[in-house]
Amino acid sequence: GGIVLYLDQEGRGNGLANKIRAYDLQARGLDTYEADEALGFGLDQR
């Protein structure tokens, strides 16, 4: 047994809309952290 905590922290805490914005930037060549930084986020907001 064990415990899985399912936490409402989509996109490393950036939210779903910003995660999809980051996906759009990844489709244009940025990696996941570069895309978040281009939007103004640090490595992890959680």
All heavy atoms as atom14 arrays in JSON, in Angstrom:
{
  "sequence": "GGIVLYLDQEGRGNGLANKIRAYDLQARGLDTYEADEALGFGLDQR",
  "atom14_mask": [
    [1, 1, 1, 1, 0, 0, 0, 0, 0, 0, 0, 0, 0, 0],
    [1, 1, 1, 1, 0, 0, 0, 0, 0, 0, 0, 0, 0, 0],
    [1, 1, 1, 1, 1, 1, 1, 1, 0, 0, 0, 0, 0, 0],
    [1, 1, 1, 1, 1, 1, 1, 0, 0, 0, 0, 0, 0, 0],
    [1, 1, 1, 1, 1, 1, 1, 1, 0, 0, 0, 0, 0, 0],
    [1, 1, 1, 1, 1, 1, 1, 1, 1, 1, 1, 1, 0, 0],
    [1, 1, 1, 1, 1, 1, 1, 1, 0, 0, 0, 0, 0, 0],
    [1, 1, 1, 1, 1, 1, 1, 1, 0, 0, 0, 0, 0, 0],
    [1, 1, 1, 1, 1, 1, 1, 1, 1, 0, 0, 0, 0, 0],
    [1, 1, 1, 1, 1, 1, 1, 1, 1, 0, 0, 0, 0, 0],
    [1, 1, 1, 1, 0, 0, 0, 0, 0, 0, 0, 0, 0, 0],
    [1, 1, 1, 1, 1, 1, 1, 1, 1, 1, 1, 0, 0, 0],
    [1, 1, 1, 1, 0, 0, 0, 0, 0, 0, 0, 0, 0, 0],
    [1, 1, 1, 1, 1, 1, 1, 1, 0, 0, 0, 0, 0, 0],
    [1, 1, 1, 1, 0, 0, 0, 0, 0, 0, 0, 0, 0, 0],
    [1, 1, 1, 1, 1, 1, 1, 1, 0, 0, 0, 0, 0, 0],
    [1, 1, 1, 1, 1, 0, 0, 0, 0, 0, 0, 0, 0, 0],
    [1, 1, 1, 1, 1, 1, 1, 1, 0, 0, 0, 0, 0, 0],
    [1, 1, 1, 1, 1, 1, 1, 1, 1, 0, 0, 0, 0, 0],
    [1, 1, 1, 1, 1, 1, 1, 1, 0, 0, 0, 0, 0, 0],
    [1, 1, 1, 1, 1, 1, 1, 1, 1, 1, 1, 0, 0, 0],
    [1, 1, 1, 1, 1, 0, 0, 0, 0, 0, 0, 0, 0, 0],
    [1, 1, 1, 1, 1, 1, 1, 1, 1, 1, 1, 1, 0, 0],
    [1, 1, 1, 1, 1, 1, 1, 1, 0, 0, 0, 0, 0, 0],
    [1, 1, 1, 1, 1, 1, 1, 1, 0, 0, 0, 0, 0, 0],
    [1, 1, 1, 1, 1, 1, 1, 1, 1, 0, 0, 0, 0, 0],
    [1, 1, 1, 1, 1, 0, 0, 0, 0, 0, 0, 0, 0, 0],
    [1, 1, 1, 1, 1, 1, 1, 1, 1, 1, 1, 0, 0, 0],
    [1, 1, 1, 1, 0, 0, 0, 0, 0, 0, 0, 0, 0, 0],
    [1, 1, 1, 1, 1, 1, 1, 1, 0, 0, 0, 0, 0, 0],
    [1, 1, 1, 1, 1, 1, 1, 1, 0, 0, 0, 0, 0, 0],
    [1, 1, 1, 1, 1, 1, 1, 0, 0, 0, 0, 0, 0, 0],
    [1, 1, 1, 1, 1, 1, 1, 1, 1, 1, 1, 1, 0, 0],
    [1, 1, 1, 1, 1, 1, 1, 1, 1, 0, 0, 0, 0, 0],
    [1, 1, 1, 1, 1, 0, 0, 0, 0, 0, 0, 0, 0, 0],
    [1, 1, 1, 1, 1, 1, 1, 1, 0, 0, 0, 0, 0, 0],
    [1, 1, 1, 1, 1, 1, 1, 1, 1, 0, 0, 0, 0, 0],
    [1, 1, 1, 1, 1, 0, 0, 0, 0, 0, 0, 0, 0, 0],
    [1, 1, 1, 1, 1, 1, 1, 1, 0, 0, 0, 0, 0, 0],
    [1, 1, 1, 1, 0, 0, 0, 0, 0, 0, 0, 0, 0, 0],
    [1, 1, 1, 1, 1, 1, 1, 1, 1, 1, 1, 0, 0, 0],
    [1, 1, 1, 1, 0, 0, 0, 0, 0, 0, 0, 0, 0, 0],
    [1, 1, 1, 1, 1, 1, 1, 1, 0, 0, 0, 0, 0, 0],
    [1, 1, 1, 1, 1, 1, 1, 1, 0, 0, 0, 0, 0, 0],
    [1, 1, 1, 1, 1, 1, 1, 1, 1, 0, 0, 0, 0, 0],
    [1, 1, 1, 1, 1, 1, 1, 1, 1, 1, 1, 0, 0, 0]
  ],
  "atom14_positions": [
    [[0.8, -1.22, 0.0], [0.0, 0.0, 0.0], [0.83, 1.27, 0.0], [2.07, 1.25, 0.04], [0.0, 0.0, 0.0], [0.0, 0.0, 0.0], [0.0, 0.0, 0.0], [0.0, 0.0, 0.0], [0.0, 0.0, 0.0], [0.0, 0.0, 0.0], [0.0, 0.0, 0.0], [0.0, 0.0, 0.0], [0.0, 0.0, 0.0], [0.0, 0.0, 0.0]],
    [[0.14, 2.38, -0.02], [0.81, 3.68, -0.05], [-0.2, 4.79, -0.29], [-1.41, 4.57, -0.3], [0.0, 0.0, 0.0], [0.0, 0.0, 0.0], [0.0, 0.0, 0.0], [0.0, 0.0, 0.0], [0.0, 0.0, 0.0], [0.0, 0.0, 0.0], [0.0, 0.0, 0.0], [0.0, 0.0, 0.0], [0.0, 0.0, 0.0], [0.0, 0.0, 0.0]],
    [[0.31, 6.0, -0.5], [-0.55, 7.17, -0.69], [-0.03, 7.98, -1.87], [1.15, 8.35, -1.91], [-0.58, 8.06, 0.57], [-1.13, 7.26, 1.77], [-1.42, 9.31, 0.33], [-1.04, 8.01, 3.08], [0.0, 0.0, 0.0], [0.0, 0.0, 0.0], [0.0, 0.0, 0.0], [0.0, 0.0, 0.0], [0.0, 0.0, 0.0], [0.0, 0.0, 0.0]],
    [[-0.92, 8.24, -2.82], [-0.63, 9.17, -3.92], [-1.37, 10.47, -3.63], [-2.6, 10.46, -3.5], [-1.08, 8.6, -5.28], [-0.88, 9.65, -6.38], [-0.32, 7.33, -5.62], [0.0, 0.0, 0.0], [0.0, 0.0, 0.0], [0.0, 0.0, 0.0], [0.0, 0.0, 0.0], [0.0, 0.0, 0.0], [0.0, 0.0, 0.0], [0.0, 0.0, 0.0]],
    [[-0.65, 11.55, -3.48], [-1.27, 12.86, -3.34], [-1.42, 13.46, -4.73], [-0.42, 13.73, -5.41], [-0.43, 13.78, -2.45], [-0.22, 13.34, -1.01], [0.45, 14.46, -0.23], [-1.51, 12.92, -0.34], [0.0, 0.0, 0.0], [0.0, 0.0, 0.0], [0.0, 0.0, 0.0], [0.0, 0.0, 0.0], [0.0, 0.0, 0.0], [0.0, 0.0, 0.0]],
    [[-2.66, 13.63, -5.16], [-2.93, 14.19, -6.49], [-3.22, 15.68, -6.3], [-4.28, 16.08, -5.81], [-4.11, 13.49, -7.15], [-4.2, 13.75, -8.64], [-3.37, 13.06, -9.53], [-5.09, 14.68, -9.15], [-3.45, 13.29, -10.89], [-5.17, 14.92, -10.51], [-4.34, 14.22, -11.38], [-4.4, 14.47, -12.74], [0.0, 0.0, 0.0], [0.0, 0.0, 0.0]],
    [[-2.24, 16.5, -6.66], [-2.22, 17.92, -6.31], [-2.58, 18.79, -7.52], [-2.06, 18.59, -8.62], [-0.83, 18.3, -5.79], [-0.29, 17.39, -4.67], [1.14, 17.76, -4.33], [-1.18, 17.46, -3.44], [0.0, 0.0, 0.0], [0.0, 0.0, 0.0], [0.0, 0.0, 0.0], [0.0, 0.0, 0.0], [0.0, 0.0, 0.0], [0.0, 0.0, 0.0]],
    [[-3.43, 19.75, -7.28], [-3.88, 20.64, -8.35], [-2.81, 21.7, -8.61], [-2.92, 22.85, -8.18], [-5.21, 21.28, -7.96], [-5.85, 22.04, -9.11], [-5.23, 22.14, -10.19], [-6.98, 22.54, -8.94], [0.0, 0.0, 0.0], [0.0, 0.0, 0.0], [0.0, 0.0, 0.0], [0.0, 0.0, 0.0], [0.0, 0.0, 0.0], [0.0, 0.0, 0.0]],
    [[-1.76, 21.27, -9.33], [-0.62, 22.14, -9.63], [-0.21, 21.98, -11.09], [0.95, 21.72, -11.4], [0.56, 21.8, -8.72], [0.29, 22.0, -7.24], [1.49, 21.62, -6.39], [2.13, 20.58, -6.6], [1.82, 22.45, -5.44], [0.0, 0.0, 0.0], [0.0, 0.0, 0.0], [0.0, 0.0, 0.0], [0.0, 0.0, 0.0], [0.0, 0.0, 0.0]],
    [[-1.17, 22.1, -11.97], [-0.93, 21.89, -13.4], [0.23, 22.74, -13.89], [0.38, 23.9, -13.5], [-2.19, 22.25, -14.17], [-2.16, 21.93, -15.64], [-2.5, 20.48, -15.95], [-3.44, 19.94, -15.37], [-1.8, 19.89, -16.8], [0.0, 0.0, 0.0], [0.0, 0.0, 0.0], [0.0, 0.0, 0.0], [0.0, 0.0, 0.0], [0.0, 0.0, 0.0]],
    [[1.06, 22.15, -14.76], [2.14, 22.91, -15.39], [3.18, 23.43, -14.43], [3.61, 24.56, -14.55], [0.0, 0.0, 0.0], [0.0, 0.0, 0.0], [0.0, 0.0, 0.0], [0.0, 0.0, 0.0], [0.0, 0.0, 0.0], [0.0, 0.0, 0.0], [0.0, 0.0, 0.0], [0.0, 0.0, 0.0], [0.0, 0.0, 0.0], [0.0, 0.0, 0.0]],
    [[3.59, 22.59, -13.46], [4.55, 23.0, -12.42], [4.05, 24.23, -11.66], [4.83, 25.1, -11.27], [5.95, 23.22, -13.0], [6.66, 21.93, -13.41], [8.14, 22.16, -13.7], [8.37, 22.95, -14.87], [8.51, 22.48, -16.11], [8.43, 21.19, -16.33], [8.73, 23.28, -17.13], [0.0, 0.0, 0.0], [0.0, 0.0, 0.0], [0.0, 0.0, 0.0]],
    [[2.74, 24.29, -11.46], [2.16, 25.39, -10.7], [1.77, 26.6, -11.53], [1.25, 27.58, -10.99], [0.0, 0.0, 0.0], [0.0, 0.0, 0.0], [0.0, 0.0, 0.0], [0.0, 0.0, 0.0], [0.0, 0.0, 0.0], [0.0, 0.0, 0.0], [0.0, 0.0, 0.0], [0.0, 0.0, 0.0], [0.0, 0.0, 0.0], [0.0, 0.0, 0.0]],
    [[1.97, 26.55, -12.85], [1.68, 27.71, -13.7], [0.22, 27.76, -14.15], [-0.23, 28.81, -14.62], [2.57, 27.69, -14.95], [4.04, 27.7, -14.61], [4.42, 28.1, -13.51], [4.88, 27.25, -15.51], [0.0, 0.0, 0.0], [0.0, 0.0, 0.0], [0.0, 0.0, 0.0], [0.0, 0.0, 0.0], [0.0, 0.0, 0.0], [0.0, 0.0, 0.0]],
    [[-0.5, 26.66, -14.04], [-1.89, 26.62, -14.49], [-2.01, 26.08, -15.9], [-1.06, 26.1, -16.69], [0.0, 0.0, 0.0], [0.0, 0.0, 0.0], [0.0, 0.0, 0.0], [0.0, 0.0, 0.0], [0.0, 0.0, 0.0], [0.0, 0.0, 0.0], [0.0, 0.0, 0.0], [0.0, 0.0, 0.0], [0.0, 0.0, 0.0], [0.0, 0.0, 0.0]],
    [[-3.19, 25.59, -16.23], [-3.4, 24.93, -17.52], [-3.21, 25.86, -18.7], [-2.59, 25.5, -19.7], [-4.8, 24.31, -17.55], [-5.17, 23.55, -18.82], [-4.22, 22.4, -19.08], [-6.61, 23.05, -18.73], [0.0, 0.0, 0.0], [0.0, 0.0, 0.0], [0.0, 0.0, 0.0], [0.0, 0.0, 0.0], [0.0, 0.0, 0.0], [0.0, 0.0, 0.0]],
    [[-3.76, 27.07, -18.63], [-3.64, 27.99, -19.76], [-2.18, 28.31, -20.07], [-1.76, 28.32, -21.23], [-4.42, 29.28, -19.49], [0.0, 0.0, 0.0], [0.0, 0.0, 0.0], [0.0, 0.0, 0.0], [0.0, 0.0, 0.0], [0.0, 0.0, 0.0], [0.0, 0.0, 0.0], [0.0, 0.0, 0.0], [0.0, 0.0, 0.0], [0.0, 0.0, 0.0]],
    [[-1.4, 28.56, -19.02], [0.02, 28.85, -19.24], [0.79, 27.61, -19.69], [1.76, 27.73, -20.45], [0.62, 29.42, -17.96], [0.15, 30.82, -17.68], [0.07, 31.66, -18.58], [-0.2, 31.11, -16.43], [0.0, 0.0, 0.0], [0.0, 0.0, 0.0], [0.0, 0.0, 0.0], [0.0, 0.0, 0.0], [0.0, 0.0, 0.0], [0.0, 0.0, 0.0]],
    [[0.38, 26.44, -19.23], [1.02, 25.22, -19.71], [0.83, 25.06, -21.21], [1.78, 24.71, -21.93], [0.43, 24.01, -18.97], [0.9, 22.67, -19.5], [0.25, 21.54, -18.71], [0.55, 20.19, -19.31], [-0.01, 19.09, -18.5], [0.0, 0.0, 0.0], [0.0, 0.0, 0.0], [0.0, 0.0, 0.0], [0.0, 0.0, 0.0], [0.0, 0.0, 0.0]],
    [[-0.38, 25.33, -21.7], [-0.62, 25.2, -23.13], [0.11, 26.3, -23.9], [0.6, 26.08, -25.02], [-2.13, 25.22, -23.42], [-2.81, 24.02, -22.72], [-2.41, 25.18, -24.91], [-2.23, 22.66, -23.09], [0.0, 0.0, 0.0], [0.0, 0.0, 0.0], [0.0, 0.0, 0.0], [0.0, 0.0, 0.0], [0.0, 0.0, 0.0], [0.0, 0.0, 0.0]],
    [[0.22, 27.5, -23.31], [1.06, 28.52, -23.93], [2.5, 28.02, -24.06], [3.16, 28.23, -25.08], [1.04, 29.8, -23.1], [-0.24, 30.61, -23.16], [-0.12, 31.88, -22.34], [-1.29, 32.73, -22.47], [-2.09, 33.11, -21.48], [-1.81, 32.71, -20.23], [-3.13, 33.88, -21.68], [0.0, 0.0, 0.0], [0.0, 0.0, 0.0], [0.0, 0.0, 0.0]],
    [[2.99, 27.37, -23.01], [4.35, 26.84, -23.05], [4.49, 25.74, -24.09], [5.52, 25.63, -24.77], [4.75, 26.33, -21.66], [0.0, 0.0, 0.0], [0.0, 0.0, 0.0], [0.0, 0.0, 0.0], [0.0, 0.0, 0.0], [0.0, 0.0, 0.0], [0.0, 0.0, 0.0], [0.0, 0.0, 0.0], [0.0, 0.0, 0.0], [0.0, 0.0, 0.0]],
    [[3.46, 24.91, -24.23], [3.5, 23.87, -25.26], [3.62, 24.48, -26.66], [4.31, 23.95, -27.53], [2.24, 23.01, -25.18], [2.32, 21.86, -24.21], [3.37, 21.73, -23.29], [1.33, 20.88, -24.19], [3.43, 20.68, -22.4], [1.38, 19.81, -23.3], [2.43, 19.72, -22.41], [2.48, 18.67, -21.54], [0.0, 0.0, 0.0], [0.0, 0.0, 0.0]],
    [[2.92, 25.6, -26.87], [3.03, 26.28, -28.16], [4.46, 26.74, -28.42], [4.99, 26.59, -29.53], [2.06, 27.46, -28.19], [2.18, 28.27, -29.47], [1.98, 27.71, -30.56], [2.5, 29.48, -29.39], [0.0, 0.0, 0.0], [0.0, 0.0, 0.0], [0.0, 0.0, 0.0], [0.0, 0.0, 0.0], [0.0, 0.0, 0.0], [0.0, 0.0, 0.0]],
    [[5.11, 27.26, -27.38], [6.5, 27.69, -27.53], [7.43, 26.49, -27.73], [8.41, 26.58, -28.48], [6.93, 28.5, -26.3], [6.17, 29.81, -26.06], [6.71, 30.52, -24.83], [6.25, 30.72, -27.28], [0.0, 0.0, 0.0], [0.0, 0.0, 0.0], [0.0, 0.0, 0.0], [0.0, 0.0, 0.0], [0.0, 0.0, 0.0], [0.0, 0.0, 0.0]],
    [[7.12, 25.37, -27.08], [7.93, 24.17, -27.29], [7.81, 23.69, -28.74], [8.78, 23.2, -29.32], [7.51, 23.07, -26.33], [7.88, 23.35, -24.88], [7.29, 22.34, -23.93], [7.34, 21.13, -24.16], [6.69, 22.82, -22.84], [0.0, 0.0, 0.0], [0.0, 0.0, 0.0], [0.0, 0.0, 0.0], [0.0, 0.0, 0.0], [0.0, 0.0, 0.0]],
    [[6.64, 23.83, -29.32], [6.45, 23.45, -30.72], [7.27, 24.32, -31.65], [7.53, 23.94, -32.8], [4.97, 23.54, -31.09], [0.0, 0.0, 0.0], [0.0, 0.0, 0.0], [0.0, 0.0, 0.0], [0.0, 0.0, 0.0], [0.0, 0.0, 0.0], [0.0, 0.0, 0.0], [0.0, 0.0, 0.0], [0.0, 0.0, 0.0], [0.0, 0.0, 0.0]],
    [[7.71, 25.48, -31.13], [8.55, 26.38, -31.93], [10.03, 26.26, -31.58], [10.84, 27.09, -31.98], [8.08, 27.82, -31.74], [6.71, 28.07, -32.34], [6.39, 29.53, -32.37], [5.39, 29.91, -31.38], [5.11, 31.15, -31.04], [5.77, 32.15, -31.6], [4.19, 31.41, -30.14], [0.0, 0.0, 0.0], [0.0, 0.0, 0.0], [0.0, 0.0, 0.0]],
    [[10.39, 25.23, -30.79], [11.8, 24.91, -30.6], [12.35, 25.07, -29.2], [13.49, 24.68, -28.94], [0.0, 0.0, 0.0], [0.0, 0.0, 0.0], [0.0, 0.0, 0.0], [0.0, 0.0, 0.0], [0.0, 0.0, 0.0], [0.0, 0.0, 0.0], [0.0, 0.0, 0.0], [0.0, 0.0, 0.0], [0.0, 0.0, 0.0], [0.0, 0.0, 0.0]],
    [[11.6, 25.63, -28.25], [12.11, 25.81, -26.89], [11.9, 24.52, -26.09], [10.97, 23.76, -26.36], [11.4, 26.97, -26.19], [11.91, 28.38, -26.48], [11.74, 28.74, -27.94], [11.19, 29.4, -25.6], [0.0, 0.0, 0.0], [0.0, 0.0, 0.0], [0.0, 0.0, 0.0], [0.0, 0.0, 0.0], [0.0, 0.0, 0.0], [0.0, 0.0, 0.0]],
    [[12.79, 24.28, -25.11], [12.52, 23.15, -24.22], [11.54, 23.59, -23.14], [11.12, 24.75, -23.08], [13.81, 22.55, -23.65], [14.5, 23.4, -22.59], [13.83, 24.2, -21.88], [15.73, 23.28, -22.43], [0.0, 0.0, 0.0], [0.0, 0.0, 0.0], [0.0, 0.0, 0.0], [0.0, 0.0, 0.0], [0.0, 0.0, 0.0], [0.0, 0.0, 0.0]],
    [[11.14, 22.67, -22.27], [10.07, 22.95, -21.3], [10.41, 24.11, -20.36], [9.55, 24.93, -20.04], [9.73, 21.67, -20.49], [8.69, 21.98, -19.56], [10.94, 21.13, -19.74], [0.0, 0.0, 0.0], [0.0, 0.0, 0.0], [0.0, 0.0, 0.0], [0.0, 0.0, 0.0], [0.0, 0.0, 0.0], [0.0, 0.0, 0.0], [0.0, 0.0, 0.0]],
    [[11.67, 24.21, -19.93], [12.05, 25.29, -19.02], [12.26, 26.6, -19.77], [11.91, 27.68, -19.26], [13.3, 24.9, -18.24], [13.05, 23.75, -17.3], [13.58, 22.49, -17.56], [12.26, 23.9, -16.17], [13.34, 21.41, -16.72], [12.01, 22.83, -15.32], [12.55, 21.59, -15.6], [12.29, 20.53, -14.76], [0.0, 0.0, 0.0], [0.0, 0.0, 0.0]],
    [[12.82, 26.54, -20.98], [12.97, 27.75, -21.79], [11.6, 28.36, -22.09], [11.44, 29.58, -22.07], [13.69, 27.42, -23.1], [15.15, 27.05, -22.93], [15.75, 26.46, -24.19], [14.98, 26.04, -25.09], [17.0, 26.41, -24.27], [0.0, 0.0, 0.0], [0.0, 0.0, 0.0], [0.0, 0.0, 0.0], [0.0, 0.0, 0.0], [0.0, 0.0, 0.0]],
    [[10.61, 27.5, -22.37], [9.27, 27.99, -22.67], [8.67, 28.68, -21.45], [8.08, 29.77, -21.56], [8.39, 26.84, -23.13], [0.0, 0.0, 0.0], [0.0, 0.0, 0.0], [0.0, 0.0, 0.0], [0.0, 0.0, 0.0], [0.0, 0.0, 0.0], [0.0, 0.0, 0.0], [0.0, 0.0, 0.0], [0.0, 0.0, 0.0], [0.0, 0.0, 0.0]],
    [[8.81, 28.07, -20.28], [8.28, 28.7, -19.06], [8.98, 30.03, -18.78], [8.34, 31.01, -18.4], [8.47, 27.76, -17.87], [7.43, 26.65, -17.84], [6.49, 26.68, -18.67], [7.57, 25.75, -16.99], [0.0, 0.0, 0.0], [0.0, 0.0, 0.0], [0.0, 0.0, 0.0], [0.0, 0.0, 0.0], [0.0, 0.0, 0.0], [0.0, 0.0, 0.0]],
    [[10.29, 30.07, -18.97], [11.03, 31.31, -18.74], [10.6, 32.4, -19.72], [10.51, 33.57, -19.35], [12.53, 31.04, -18.86], [13.08, 30.22, -17.7], [14.5, 29.73, -17.94], [14.97, 29.85, -19.09], [15.11, 29.2, -17.0], [0.0, 0.0, 0.0], [0.0, 0.0, 0.0], [0.0, 0.0, 0.0], [0.0, 0.0, 0.0], [0.0, 0.0, 0.0]],
    [[10.32, 32.03, -20.97], [9.87, 33.02, -21.95], [8.53, 33.64, -21.53], [8.24, 34.78, -21.87], [9.74, 32.37, -23.33], [0.0, 0.0, 0.0], [0.0, 0.0, 0.0], [0.0, 0.0, 0.0], [0.0, 0.0, 0.0], [0.0, 0.0, 0.0], [0.0, 0.0, 0.0], [0.0, 0.0, 0.0], [0.0, 0.0, 0.0], [0.0, 0.0, 0.0]],
    [[7.73, 32.88, -20.78], [6.45, 33.4, -20.28], [6.6, 34.16, -18.97], [5.64, 34.78, -18.5], [5.47, 32.25, -20.09], [5.02, 31.52, -21.37], [4.22, 30.28, -21.01], [4.23, 32.45, -22.27], [0.0, 0.0, 0.0], [0.0, 0.0, 0.0], [0.0, 0.0, 0.0], [0.0, 0.0, 0.0], [0.0, 0.0, 0.0], [0.0, 0.0, 0.0]],
    [[7.79, 34.07, -18.35], [8.02, 34.8, -17.11], [8.1, 33.95, -15.86], [8.16, 34.48, -14.76], [0.0, 0.0, 0.0], [0.0, 0.0, 0.0], [0.0, 0.0, 0.0], [0.0, 0.0, 0.0], [0.0, 0.0, 0.0], [0.0, 0.0, 0.0], [0.0, 0.0, 0.0], [0.0, 0.0, 0.0], [0.0, 0.0, 0.0], [0.0, 0.0, 0.0]],
    [[8.12, 32.62, -16.03], [8.14, 31.73, -14.87], [9.56, 31.24, -14.58], [10.39, 31.12, -15.47], [7.25, 30.51, -15.13], [5.8, 30.85, -15.28], [5.19, 30.81, -16.54], [5.04, 31.23, -14.2], [3.86, 31.13, -16.7], [3.7, 31.56, -14.34], [3.11, 31.5, -15.59], [0.0, 0.0, 0.0], [0.0, 0.0, 0.0], [0.0, 0.0, 0.0]],
    [[9.79, 30.91, -13.3], [11.02, 30.25, -12.91], [10.95, 28.76, -13.21], [10.02, 28.28, -13.87], [0.0, 0.0, 0.0], [0.0, 0.0, 0.0], [0.0, 0.0, 0.0], [0.0, 0.0, 0.0], [0.0, 0.0, 0.0], [0.0, 0.0, 0.0], [0.0, 0.0, 0.0], [0.0, 0.0, 0.0], [0.0, 0.0, 0.0], [0.0, 0.0, 0.0]],
    [[11.93, 28.01, -12.68], [11.97, 26.58, -12.97], [10.74, 25.86, -12.43], [10.26, 24.9, -13.05], [13.23, 25.95, -12.36], [14.56, 26.25, -13.05], [15.69, 25.53, -12.35], [14.51, 25.83, -14.53], [0.0, 0.0, 0.0], [0.0, 0.0, 0.0], [0.0, 0.0, 0.0], [0.0, 0.0, 0.0], [0.0, 0.0, 0.0], [0.0, 0.0, 0.0]],
    [[10.22, 26.27, -11.29], [9.13, 25.52, -10.68], [8.43, 26.44, -9.69], [9.05, 26.99, -8.78], [9.69, 24.29, -9.95], [8.63, 23.23, -9.69], [7.46, 23.6, -9.47], [8.98, 22.03, -9.69], [0.0, 0.0, 0.0], [0.0, 0.0, 0.0], [0.0, 0.0, 0.0], [0.0, 0.0, 0.0], [0.0, 0.0, 0.0], [0.0, 0.0, 0.0]],
    [[7.12, 26.61, -9.86], [6.35, 27.48, -8.96], [5.61, 26.71, -7.86], [4.89, 27.29, -7.06], [5.3, 28.27, -9.77], [5.85, 29.54, -10.4], [7.02, 29.29, -11.33], [8.14, 29.72, -11.05], [6.79, 28.59, -12.43], [0.0, 0.0, 0.0], [0.0, 0.0, 0.0], [0.0, 0.0, 0.0], [0.0, 0.0, 0.0], [0.0, 0.0, 0.0]],
    [[5.79, 25.4, -7.82], [5.0, 24.6, -6.87], [5.49, 24.74, -5.44], [6.66, 24.94, -5.19], [5.04, 23.13, -7.28], [4.3, 22.83, -8.57], [4.49, 21.4, -8.99], [5.87, 21.12, -9.36], [6.31, 19.93, -9.76], [5.48, 18.92, -9.83], [7.58, 19.77, -10.08], [0.0, 0.0, 0.0], [0.0, 0.0, 0.0], [0.0, 0.0, 0.0]]
  ]
}
